[in-house]
Amino acid sequence: MPPFDFTIHARDMLAERKIPEDWVWRVLNDPDETHIGDDGNMHYTKVIQERDGRILHVVVNPNVQLNRIVTLFFDRRLTRTK
């Protein structure tokens, strides 16, 4: 796995949204889905059972020296599992 770096915004979102950092690593190391967005950023998603099966979405800018984690959030637009 390539090295990753959190932006200040992403670190703020970890705290504000009460998302444990190890969940982010789980998404990046073993995503359920990935795709490249229109903005060129890489989007990783994974179901987090500990959060009632909600889907954690992590956005990474791969176009910098370190892959920069831009933001992360639980994506309400994506379907949950039961």
N, C-alpha and C. Protein backbone atom coordinates (compact mmCIF):
# COMPACT_ATOMS: atom_id res chain seq x y z
N MET A 1 0.84 -1.18 0.00
CA MET A 1 0.00 0.00 0.00
C MET A 1 0.89 1.24 0.00
N PRO A 2 0.60 2.20 -0.88
CA PRO A 2 1.38 3.42 -0.91
C PRO A 2 1.14 4.25 0.35
N PRO A 3 2.05 5.16 0.66
CA PRO A 3 1.84 6.00 1.85
C PRO A 3 0.70 7.00 1.64
N PHE A 4 0.02 7.30 2.72
CA PHE A 4 -1.08 8.26 2.70
C PHE A 4 -0.81 9.35 3.72
N ASP A 5 -1.38 10.52 3.46
CA ASP A 5 -1.25 11.67 4.35
C ASP A 5 -2.63 12.31 4.48
N PHE A 6 -3.01 12.70 5.70
CA PHE A 6 -4.29 13.36 5.93
C PHE A 6 -4.15 14.87 5.73
N THR A 7 -5.11 15.48 5.03
CA THR A 7 -5.18 16.94 5.01
C THR A 7 -5.71 17.40 6.38
N ILE A 8 -5.56 18.67 6.65
CA ILE A 8 -6.11 19.22 7.90
C ILE A 8 -7.63 19.00 7.92
N HIS A 9 -8.27 19.22 6.79
CA HIS A 9 -9.72 19.02 6.71
C HIS A 9 -10.08 17.58 7.06
N ALA A 10 -9.37 16.60 6.51
CA ALA A 10 -9.67 15.20 6.78
C ALA A 10 -9.48 14.88 8.26
N ARG A 11 -8.43 15.42 8.87
CA ARG A 11 -8.23 15.22 10.33
C ARG A 11 -9.39 15.83 11.12
N ASP A 12 -9.82 17.01 10.70
CA ASP A 12 -10.96 17.66 11.36
C ASP A 12 -12.22 16.80 11.24
N MET A 13 -12.43 16.19 10.07
CA MET A 13 -13.61 15.37 9.85
C MET A 13 -13.58 14.10 10.71
N LEU A 14 -12.38 13.54 10.92
CA LEU A 14 -12.25 12.39 11.82
C LEU A 14 -12.82 12.73 13.19
N ALA A 15 -12.42 13.88 13.71
CA ALA A 15 -12.84 14.29 15.05
C ALA A 15 -14.32 14.69 15.05
N GLU A 16 -14.71 15.54 14.10
CA GLU A 16 -16.08 16.06 14.07
C GLU A 16 -17.11 14.95 13.88
N ARG A 17 -16.78 13.98 13.03
CA ARG A 17 -17.73 12.91 12.71
C ARG A 17 -17.52 11.66 13.56
N LYS A 18 -16.57 11.76 14.50
CA LYS A 18 -16.27 10.65 15.42
C LYS A 18 -16.00 9.34 14.67
N ILE A 19 -15.10 9.45 13.69
CA ILE A 19 -14.72 8.29 12.89
C ILE A 19 -13.33 7.86 13.34
N PRO A 20 -13.20 6.63 13.85
CA PRO A 20 -11.87 6.15 14.24
C PRO A 20 -10.93 6.04 13.03
N GLU A 21 -9.70 6.43 13.21
CA GLU A 21 -8.73 6.40 12.11
C GLU A 21 -8.56 4.99 11.56
N ASP A 22 -8.66 3.97 12.42
CA ASP A 22 -8.47 2.60 11.91
C ASP A 22 -9.56 2.21 10.91
N TRP A 23 -10.75 2.84 10.98
CA TRP A 23 -11.77 2.57 9.97
C TRP A 23 -11.33 3.11 8.61
N VAL A 24 -10.64 4.25 8.61
CA VAL A 24 -10.13 4.82 7.35
C VAL A 24 -9.13 3.85 6.73
N TRP A 25 -8.23 3.32 7.56
CA TRP A 25 -7.23 2.37 7.04
C TRP A 25 -7.90 1.11 6.53
N ARG A 26 -8.99 0.69 7.19
CA ARG A 26 -9.74 -0.49 6.74
C ARG A 26 -10.31 -0.22 5.34
N VAL A 27 -10.86 0.96 5.13
CA VAL A 27 -11.42 1.32 3.83
C VAL A 27 -10.33 1.33 2.76
N LEU A 28 -9.19 1.94 3.08
CA LEU A 28 -8.12 2.06 2.09
C LEU A 28 -7.44 0.72 1.79
N ASN A 29 -7.29 -0.12 2.81
CA ASN A 29 -6.61 -1.41 2.64
C ASN A 29 -7.50 -2.48 2.01
N ASP A 30 -8.81 -2.39 2.24
CA ASP A 30 -9.72 -3.43 1.76
C ASP A 30 -11.07 -2.82 1.38
N PRO A 31 -11.10 -1.96 0.36
CA PRO A 31 -12.36 -1.29 0.00
C PRO A 31 -13.36 -2.26 -0.61
N ASP A 32 -14.64 -1.95 -0.42
CA ASP A 32 -15.69 -2.71 -1.11
C ASP A 32 -15.76 -2.26 -2.57
N GLU A 33 -15.56 -0.97 -2.78
CA GLU A 33 -15.56 -0.41 -4.14
C GLU A 33 -14.58 0.74 -4.24
N THR A 34 -14.08 0.96 -5.46
CA THR A 34 -13.23 2.12 -5.75
C THR A 34 -13.63 2.67 -7.11
N HIS A 35 -13.44 3.96 -7.28
CA HIS A 35 -13.59 4.56 -8.61
C HIS A 35 -12.87 5.89 -8.64
N ILE A 36 -12.54 6.32 -9.85
CA ILE A 36 -11.91 7.62 -10.05
C ILE A 36 -13.02 8.61 -10.37
N GLY A 37 -13.07 9.71 -9.59
CA GLY A 37 -14.09 10.73 -9.80
C GLY A 37 -13.76 11.63 -10.97
N ASP A 38 -14.71 12.46 -11.35
CA ASP A 38 -14.52 13.41 -12.45
C ASP A 38 -13.38 14.37 -12.15
N ASP A 39 -13.10 14.59 -10.85
CA ASP A 39 -12.03 15.51 -10.45
C ASP A 39 -10.66 14.83 -10.41
N GLY A 40 -10.60 13.55 -10.76
CA GLY A 40 -9.32 12.83 -10.76
C GLY A 40 -8.97 12.22 -9.41
N ASN A 41 -9.79 12.47 -8.40
CA ASN A 41 -9.55 11.88 -7.09
C ASN A 41 -10.02 10.44 -7.06
N MET A 42 -9.39 9.63 -6.23
CA MET A 42 -9.75 8.24 -6.04
C MET A 42 -10.76 8.16 -4.90
N HIS A 43 -11.86 7.44 -5.11
CA HIS A 43 -12.92 7.30 -4.12
C HIS A 43 -12.96 5.85 -3.65
N TYR A 44 -12.86 5.66 -2.35
CA TYR A 44 -12.90 4.33 -1.73
C TYR A 44 -14.13 4.27 -0.84
N THR A 45 -14.87 3.16 -0.89
CA THR A 45 -16.02 3.00 0.00
C THR A 45 -16.01 1.61 0.62
N LYS A 46 -16.55 1.53 1.84
CA LYS A 46 -16.64 0.26 2.54
C LYS A 46 -17.74 0.34 3.58
N VAL A 47 -18.47 -0.76 3.73
CA VAL A 47 -19.49 -0.87 4.77
C VAL A 47 -18.78 -1.00 6.11
N ILE A 48 -19.23 -0.22 7.08
CA ILE A 48 -18.69 -0.29 8.44
C ILE A 48 -19.81 -0.86 9.33
N GLN A 49 -19.67 -2.14 9.67
CA GLN A 49 -20.71 -2.80 10.45
C GLN A 49 -20.89 -2.16 11.82
N GLU A 50 -19.79 -1.68 12.41
CA GLU A 50 -19.86 -1.07 13.73
C GLU A 50 -20.69 0.22 13.74
N ARG A 51 -20.96 0.77 12.58
CA ARG A 51 -21.78 1.98 12.46
C ARG A 51 -23.07 1.62 11.73
N ASP A 52 -23.68 0.53 12.15
CA ASP A 52 -24.98 0.09 11.63
C ASP A 52 -24.98 -0.16 10.12
N GLY A 53 -23.85 -0.62 9.59
CA GLY A 53 -23.77 -0.94 8.17
C GLY A 53 -23.71 0.27 7.26
N ARG A 54 -23.42 1.43 7.82
CA ARG A 54 -23.28 2.64 6.98
C ARG A 54 -22.02 2.53 6.14
N ILE A 55 -21.99 3.28 5.05
CA ILE A 55 -20.88 3.21 4.11
C ILE A 55 -19.94 4.39 4.30
N LEU A 56 -18.69 4.08 4.64
CA LEU A 56 -17.68 5.12 4.81
C LEU A 56 -17.04 5.39 3.45
N HIS A 57 -17.00 6.65 3.09
CA HIS A 57 -16.48 7.12 1.80
C HIS A 57 -15.21 7.93 2.09
N VAL A 58 -14.10 7.51 1.52
CA VAL A 58 -12.82 8.20 1.70
C VAL A 58 -12.34 8.67 0.33
N VAL A 59 -12.03 9.97 0.23
CA VAL A 59 -11.59 10.56 -1.03
C VAL A 59 -10.10 10.88 -0.92
N VAL A 60 -9.34 10.39 -1.92
CA VAL A 60 -7.88 10.54 -1.91
C VAL A 60 -7.42 11.22 -3.19
N ASN A 61 -6.56 12.25 -3.04
CA ASN A 61 -5.93 12.89 -4.20
C ASN A 61 -4.62 12.15 -4.45
N PRO A 62 -4.55 11.36 -5.53
CA PRO A 62 -3.34 10.58 -5.80
C PRO A 62 -2.28 11.37 -6.57
N ASN A 63 -2.55 12.64 -6.87
CA ASN A 63 -1.68 13.43 -7.73
C ASN A 63 -0.68 14.29 -6.98
N VAL A 64 -0.36 13.90 -5.77
CA VAL A 64 0.64 14.60 -4.97
C VAL A 64 1.67 13.57 -4.51
N GLN A 65 2.78 14.03 -3.94
CA GLN A 65 3.86 13.12 -3.56
C GLN A 65 3.36 11.98 -2.68
N LEU A 66 2.60 12.30 -1.64
CA LEU A 66 1.92 11.29 -0.84
C LEU A 66 0.46 11.31 -1.26
N ASN A 67 -0.16 10.16 -1.29
CA ASN A 67 -1.60 10.13 -1.56
C ASN A 67 -2.29 10.88 -0.43
N ARG A 68 -2.94 11.97 -0.76
CA ARG A 68 -3.51 12.84 0.27
C ARG A 68 -4.98 12.53 0.48
N ILE A 69 -5.33 12.17 1.72
CA ILE A 69 -6.72 11.93 2.08
C ILE A 69 -7.38 13.30 2.20
N VAL A 70 -8.31 13.57 1.28
CA VAL A 70 -8.93 14.89 1.18
C VAL A 70 -10.08 15.03 2.15
N THR A 71 -10.96 14.04 2.19
CA THR A 71 -12.12 14.08 3.07
C THR A 71 -12.64 12.67 3.29
N LEU A 72 -13.53 12.54 4.26
CA LEU A 72 -14.15 11.25 4.57
C LEU A 72 -15.49 11.52 5.22
N PHE A 73 -16.44 10.65 4.92
CA PHE A 73 -17.79 10.85 5.43
C PHE A 73 -18.60 9.58 5.25
N PHE A 74 -19.67 9.46 6.02
CA PHE A 74 -20.61 8.38 5.81
C PHE A 74 -21.56 8.83 4.71
N ASP A 75 -21.60 8.06 3.64
CA ASP A 75 -22.30 8.46 2.42
C ASP A 75 -23.75 7.99 2.45
N ARG A 76 -24.67 8.91 2.66
CA ARG A 76 -26.10 8.59 2.71
C ARG A 76 -26.68 8.27 1.35
N ARG A 77 -25.97 8.65 0.30
CA ARG A 77 -26.46 8.39 -1.06
C ARG A 77 -26.31 6.93 -1.45
N LEU A 78 -25.39 6.22 -0.80
CA LEU A 78 -25.13 4.83 -1.13
C LEU A 78 -25.99 3.91 -0.27
N THR A 79 -26.35 2.76 -0.82
CA THR A 79 -27.23 1.81 -0.15
C THR A 79 -26.51 1.11 1.00
N ARG A 80 -27.20 1.01 2.10
CA ARG A 80 -26.68 0.29 3.26
C ARG A 80 -26.96 -1.20 3.13
N THR A 81 -26.19 -1.98 3.87
CA THR A 81 -26.49 -3.40 4.00
C THR A 81 -27.16 -3.63 5.34
N LYS A 82 -27.89 -4.69 5.45
CA LYS A 82 -28.58 -4.96 6.71
C LYS A 82 -27.90 -6.06 7.48
